Amino acid sequence: MSAPLARLDALIWALIYAGLLGIALALALRSATPELAVVVGAVGVLVLAAGIVLVGWRARLARRGLEGGTPSSSPPRKTQEGPR
């Protein structure tokens, strides 16, 4: 795996775990400060959604073969040569 893709993987997991932590914190703050819980929960959901979107983008990169391998979704085209 190349260095940029490794960094992307690290970013994806950091966003997912930070979003889950924000949601858990919002649930803990719910009874003490409901307004702050809503804000923290909304930010947590947005961060989690960004991580999930990047997972999909990373999967598309792998499918296109930008990971360094050959693309699995598009085999090489065969050229048809007609009679000459």
Foldseek 3Di string as FASTA:
>chain_A
DDPVLVVLVVQLVVLQVQLVVLLVVLVVCCVPDVVVSVVSNVVSVVSNVVSVVSVVVSVVCVQCVVVPGHHPVDDDDDDDDDDD
